[in-house]
Amino acid sequence: MNKYEAMLIVKPDLSDEDKKTLFKQIDDAVIKNNGQISQSAVWAERRKLYFPINKFQEGIYYLVAFAAPPQAIKEMRNIYKLNENILRVLFTRMDI
């Protein structure tokens, strides 16, 4: 299993309940694909974006550090693409 970080930009206009639900869905996608989360938290609350994404000028940044098999990244990317509350996703492999 490799170590990864996933940075997600989420819609800024979600209610607190919707945010909690979304963050749980993000974490559950990692666990569902045989991953182990070491850390997950909001990295930045309502940061201004450099350019608009889907007409949003701001976004909430959510960071997840986890270990997972390489084939799980493709599955998680597909799951995150289907969620309309996630604007962007970036996966980074941690070489330690």
N, C-alpha and C. Protein backbone atom coordinates (compact mmCIF):
# COMPACT_ATOMS: atom_id res chain seq x y z
N MET A 1 0.84 -1.18 0.00
CA MET A 1 0.00 0.00 0.00
C MET A 1 0.89 1.24 0.00
N ASN A 2 0.48 2.22 -0.79
CA ASN A 2 1.20 3.48 -0.88
C ASN A 2 0.52 4.53 -0.03
N LYS A 3 1.28 5.55 0.34
CA LYS A 3 0.70 6.66 1.11
C LYS A 3 0.34 7.78 0.14
N TYR A 4 -0.82 8.38 0.36
CA TYR A 4 -1.33 9.44 -0.51
C TYR A 4 -1.90 10.57 0.33
N GLU A 5 -2.02 11.73 -0.33
CA GLU A 5 -2.80 12.84 0.18
C GLU A 5 -3.79 13.23 -0.89
N ALA A 6 -5.00 13.55 -0.49
CA ALA A 6 -6.01 14.03 -1.42
C ALA A 6 -6.47 15.40 -0.94
N MET A 7 -6.35 16.39 -1.82
CA MET A 7 -6.84 17.73 -1.53
C MET A 7 -8.10 17.94 -2.36
N LEU A 8 -9.20 18.23 -1.69
CA LEU A 8 -10.47 18.43 -2.37
C LEU A 8 -10.94 19.86 -2.16
N ILE A 9 -11.47 20.46 -3.21
CA ILE A 9 -12.11 21.76 -3.10
C ILE A 9 -13.61 21.52 -3.16
N VAL A 10 -14.30 21.99 -2.13
CA VAL A 10 -15.72 21.73 -1.96
C VAL A 10 -16.48 23.05 -2.09
N LYS A 11 -17.74 22.95 -2.53
CA LYS A 11 -18.59 24.14 -2.64
C LYS A 11 -18.65 24.89 -1.31
N PRO A 12 -18.53 26.22 -1.35
CA PRO A 12 -18.51 26.98 -0.09
C PRO A 12 -19.89 27.26 0.49
N ASP A 13 -20.95 27.05 -0.26
CA ASP A 13 -22.29 27.42 0.20
C ASP A 13 -23.06 26.28 0.86
N LEU A 14 -22.39 25.23 1.28
CA LEU A 14 -23.05 24.10 1.93
C LEU A 14 -23.36 24.43 3.39
N SER A 15 -24.46 23.89 3.88
CA SER A 15 -24.79 24.05 5.29
C SER A 15 -23.86 23.17 6.13
N ASP A 16 -23.82 23.41 7.43
CA ASP A 16 -22.94 22.63 8.30
C ASP A 16 -23.28 21.15 8.25
N GLU A 17 -24.56 20.83 8.20
CA GLU A 17 -24.99 19.42 8.13
C GLU A 17 -24.55 18.78 6.81
N ASP A 18 -24.69 19.53 5.71
CA ASP A 18 -24.26 19.02 4.40
C ASP A 18 -22.75 18.81 4.35
N LYS A 19 -22.00 19.71 4.99
CA LYS A 19 -20.53 19.58 5.03
C LYS A 19 -20.14 18.31 5.77
N LYS A 20 -20.76 18.08 6.94
CA LYS A 20 -20.45 16.88 7.71
C LYS A 20 -20.75 15.62 6.91
N THR A 21 -21.88 15.61 6.23
CA THR A 21 -22.26 14.47 5.41
C THR A 21 -21.26 14.26 4.27
N LEU A 22 -20.88 15.34 3.61
CA LEU A 22 -19.94 15.25 2.50
C LEU A 22 -18.58 14.75 2.96
N PHE A 23 -18.08 15.29 4.07
CA PHE A 23 -16.77 14.87 4.58
C PHE A 23 -16.80 13.40 4.99
N LYS A 24 -17.92 12.94 5.51
CA LYS A 24 -18.05 11.51 5.84
C LYS A 24 -18.04 10.66 4.57
N GLN A 25 -18.71 11.14 3.51
CA GLN A 25 -18.71 10.42 2.24
C GLN A 25 -17.30 10.35 1.65
N ILE A 26 -16.55 11.43 1.77
CA ILE A 26 -15.17 11.45 1.26
C ILE A 26 -14.33 10.41 2.00
N ASP A 27 -14.43 10.40 3.33
CA ASP A 27 -13.68 9.43 4.13
C ASP A 27 -14.14 8.00 3.86
N ASP A 28 -15.44 7.80 3.70
CA ASP A 28 -15.98 6.46 3.44
C ASP A 28 -15.50 5.90 2.10
N ALA A 29 -15.28 6.78 1.11
CA ALA A 29 -14.79 6.32 -0.19
C ALA A 29 -13.38 5.73 -0.06
N VAL A 30 -12.58 6.30 0.81
CA VAL A 30 -11.22 5.77 1.04
C VAL A 30 -11.32 4.41 1.72
N ILE A 31 -12.12 4.31 2.77
CA ILE A 31 -12.26 3.06 3.52
C ILE A 31 -12.87 1.96 2.65
N LYS A 32 -13.85 2.32 1.82
CA LYS A 32 -14.51 1.36 0.94
C LYS A 32 -13.52 0.73 -0.06
N ASN A 33 -12.48 1.48 -0.43
CA ASN A 33 -11.49 1.00 -1.38
C ASN A 33 -10.23 0.48 -0.69
N ASN A 34 -10.41 -0.12 0.48
CA ASN A 34 -9.35 -0.77 1.26
C ASN A 34 -8.26 0.19 1.70
N GLY A 35 -8.62 1.45 1.94
CA GLY A 35 -7.66 2.44 2.41
C GLY A 35 -7.76 2.63 3.91
N GLN A 36 -6.69 3.18 4.49
CA GLN A 36 -6.65 3.48 5.91
C GLN A 36 -6.33 4.96 6.06
N ILE A 37 -7.25 5.71 6.65
CA ILE A 37 -7.07 7.15 6.81
C ILE A 37 -6.20 7.41 8.03
N SER A 38 -5.15 8.21 7.84
CA SER A 38 -4.32 8.60 8.97
C SER A 38 -4.71 9.98 9.49
N GLN A 39 -5.25 10.82 8.60
CA GLN A 39 -5.66 12.16 9.01
C GLN A 39 -6.63 12.73 7.98
N SER A 40 -7.67 13.40 8.44
CA SER A 40 -8.58 14.09 7.54
C SER A 40 -9.18 15.28 8.28
N ALA A 41 -9.14 16.44 7.63
CA ALA A 41 -9.64 17.65 8.27
C ALA A 41 -9.81 18.75 7.23
N VAL A 42 -10.55 19.78 7.62
CA VAL A 42 -10.68 20.96 6.77
C VAL A 42 -9.35 21.70 6.83
N TRP A 43 -8.76 21.93 5.67
CA TRP A 43 -7.46 22.60 5.59
C TRP A 43 -7.64 24.11 5.60
N ALA A 44 -8.66 24.60 4.88
CA ALA A 44 -8.94 26.04 4.84
C ALA A 44 -10.43 26.26 4.62
N GLU A 45 -10.99 27.14 5.37
CA GLU A 45 -12.41 27.45 5.29
C GLU A 45 -12.61 28.67 4.40
N ARG A 46 -13.33 28.49 3.28
CA ARG A 46 -13.70 29.57 2.36
C ARG A 46 -12.51 30.40 1.89
N ARG A 47 -11.63 29.78 1.13
CA ARG A 47 -10.52 30.51 0.52
C ARG A 47 -10.90 30.97 -0.87
N LYS A 48 -10.41 32.12 -1.24
CA LYS A 48 -10.66 32.66 -2.57
C LYS A 48 -9.89 31.84 -3.59
N LEU A 49 -10.56 31.47 -4.68
CA LEU A 49 -9.92 30.68 -5.73
C LEU A 49 -9.22 31.63 -6.71
N TYR A 50 -8.15 31.15 -7.33
CA TYR A 50 -7.41 31.96 -8.30
C TYR A 50 -8.25 32.24 -9.54
N PHE A 51 -9.06 31.28 -9.94
CA PHE A 51 -9.99 31.45 -11.05
C PHE A 51 -11.29 30.73 -10.69
N PRO A 52 -12.42 31.18 -11.23
CA PRO A 52 -13.70 30.57 -10.87
C PRO A 52 -13.79 29.11 -11.34
N ILE A 53 -14.39 28.28 -10.49
CA ILE A 53 -14.66 26.89 -10.83
C ILE A 53 -16.17 26.71 -10.71
N ASN A 54 -16.82 26.39 -11.81
CA ASN A 54 -18.28 26.24 -11.85
C ASN A 54 -18.98 27.47 -11.26
N LYS A 55 -18.47 28.64 -11.60
CA LYS A 55 -19.01 29.94 -11.18
C LYS A 55 -18.84 30.22 -9.69
N PHE A 56 -18.01 29.45 -8.99
CA PHE A 56 -17.72 29.71 -7.58
C PHE A 56 -16.38 30.45 -7.48
N GLN A 57 -16.36 31.53 -6.70
CA GLN A 57 -15.16 32.33 -6.50
C GLN A 57 -14.37 31.87 -5.27
N GLU A 58 -15.01 31.09 -4.39
CA GLU A 58 -14.40 30.60 -3.17
C GLU A 58 -14.63 29.10 -3.05
N GLY A 59 -13.85 28.46 -2.18
CA GLY A 59 -14.03 27.04 -1.94
C GLY A 59 -13.52 26.64 -0.57
N ILE A 60 -13.99 25.52 -0.09
CA ILE A 60 -13.52 24.94 1.17
C ILE A 60 -12.52 23.84 0.80
N TYR A 61 -11.33 23.91 1.38
CA TYR A 61 -10.29 22.91 1.10
C TYR A 61 -10.32 21.83 2.18
N TYR A 62 -10.39 20.57 1.75
CA TYR A 62 -10.44 19.43 2.65
C TYR A 62 -9.27 18.51 2.32
N LEU A 63 -8.46 18.17 3.32
CA LEU A 63 -7.26 17.37 3.11
C LEU A 63 -7.42 16.02 3.80
N VAL A 64 -7.10 14.95 3.05
CA VAL A 64 -7.16 13.58 3.57
C VAL A 64 -5.82 12.91 3.33
N ALA A 65 -5.18 12.42 4.39
CA ALA A 65 -3.95 11.63 4.28
C ALA A 65 -4.32 10.18 4.54
N PHE A 66 -3.89 9.29 3.63
CA PHE A 66 -4.31 7.89 3.76
C PHE A 66 -3.31 6.97 3.07
N ALA A 67 -3.45 5.68 3.36
CA ALA A 67 -2.68 4.63 2.69
C ALA A 67 -3.70 3.75 1.96
N ALA A 68 -3.37 3.42 0.71
CA ALA A 68 -4.30 2.62 -0.10
C ALA A 68 -3.53 1.93 -1.22
N PRO A 69 -4.10 0.86 -1.78
CA PRO A 69 -3.50 0.23 -2.95
C PRO A 69 -3.60 1.17 -4.15
N PRO A 70 -2.66 1.09 -5.10
CA PRO A 70 -2.66 2.01 -6.25
C PRO A 70 -3.95 2.00 -7.08
N GLN A 71 -4.59 0.85 -7.24
CA GLN A 71 -5.80 0.79 -8.06
C GLN A 71 -6.99 1.50 -7.39
N ALA A 72 -6.90 1.77 -6.10
CA ALA A 72 -7.99 2.44 -5.38
C ALA A 72 -8.13 3.91 -5.79
N ILE A 73 -7.04 4.52 -6.24
CA ILE A 73 -7.07 5.94 -6.61
C ILE A 73 -8.03 6.17 -7.77
N LYS A 74 -7.99 5.30 -8.75
CA LYS A 74 -8.89 5.44 -9.90
C LYS A 74 -10.35 5.35 -9.47
N GLU A 75 -10.65 4.40 -8.59
CA GLU A 75 -12.02 4.24 -8.11
C GLU A 75 -12.48 5.45 -7.30
N MET A 76 -11.60 5.96 -6.44
CA MET A 76 -11.96 7.13 -5.64
C MET A 76 -12.16 8.36 -6.52
N ARG A 77 -11.32 8.52 -7.52
CA ARG A 77 -11.47 9.65 -8.44
C ARG A 77 -12.83 9.61 -9.12
N ASN A 78 -13.26 8.42 -9.54
CA ASN A 78 -14.58 8.28 -10.16
C ASN A 78 -15.71 8.61 -9.18
N ILE A 79 -15.58 8.16 -7.94
CA ILE A 79 -16.60 8.45 -6.93
C ILE A 79 -16.68 9.95 -6.68
N TYR A 80 -15.54 10.61 -6.57
CA TYR A 80 -15.52 12.04 -6.29
C TYR A 80 -16.03 12.86 -7.48
N LYS A 81 -15.80 12.39 -8.70
CA LYS A 81 -16.30 13.10 -9.89
C LYS A 81 -17.82 13.11 -9.93
N LEU A 82 -18.45 12.06 -9.44
CA LEU A 82 -19.90 11.96 -9.47
C LEU A 82 -20.58 12.84 -8.43
N ASN A 83 -19.83 13.30 -7.44
CA ASN A 83 -20.41 14.13 -6.38
C ASN A 83 -20.39 15.59 -6.83
N GLU A 84 -21.55 16.20 -6.95
CA GLU A 84 -21.66 17.56 -7.46
C GLU A 84 -21.19 18.61 -6.46
N ASN A 85 -21.00 18.25 -5.19
CA ASN A 85 -20.52 19.20 -4.19
C ASN A 85 -18.99 19.32 -4.18
N ILE A 86 -18.29 18.44 -4.88
CA ILE A 86 -16.83 18.49 -4.97
C ILE A 86 -16.46 19.17 -6.29
N LEU A 87 -15.73 20.28 -6.18
CA LEU A 87 -15.35 21.04 -7.36
C LEU A 87 -14.09 20.49 -8.01
N ARG A 88 -13.06 20.16 -7.21
CA ARG A 88 -11.80 19.64 -7.74
C ARG A 88 -11.18 18.65 -6.76
N VAL A 89 -10.35 17.74 -7.30
CA VAL A 89 -9.64 16.76 -6.49
C VAL A 89 -8.21 16.65 -7.01
N LEU A 90 -7.26 16.59 -6.09
CA LEU A 90 -5.87 16.36 -6.45
C LEU A 90 -5.31 15.27 -5.54
N PHE A 91 -4.84 14.18 -6.14
CA PHE A 91 -4.19 13.10 -5.39
C PHE A 91 -2.69 13.25 -5.54
N THR A 92 -1.98 13.12 -4.41
CA THR A 92 -0.52 13.19 -4.41
C THR A 92 0.02 11.98 -3.69
N ARG A 93 0.98 11.30 -4.31
CA ARG A 93 1.61 10.15 -3.67
C ARG A 93 2.76 10.65 -2.81
N MET A 94 2.79 10.19 -1.57
CA MET A 94 3.81 10.62 -0.63
C MET A 94 4.96 9.63 -0.65
N ASP A 95 6.11 10.04 -1.11
CA ASP A 95 7.30 9.19 -1.13
C ASP A 95 8.13 9.45 0.12
N ILE A 96 8.00 8.53 1.06
CA ILE A 96 8.75 8.69 2.32
C ILE A 96 9.60 7.45 2.53
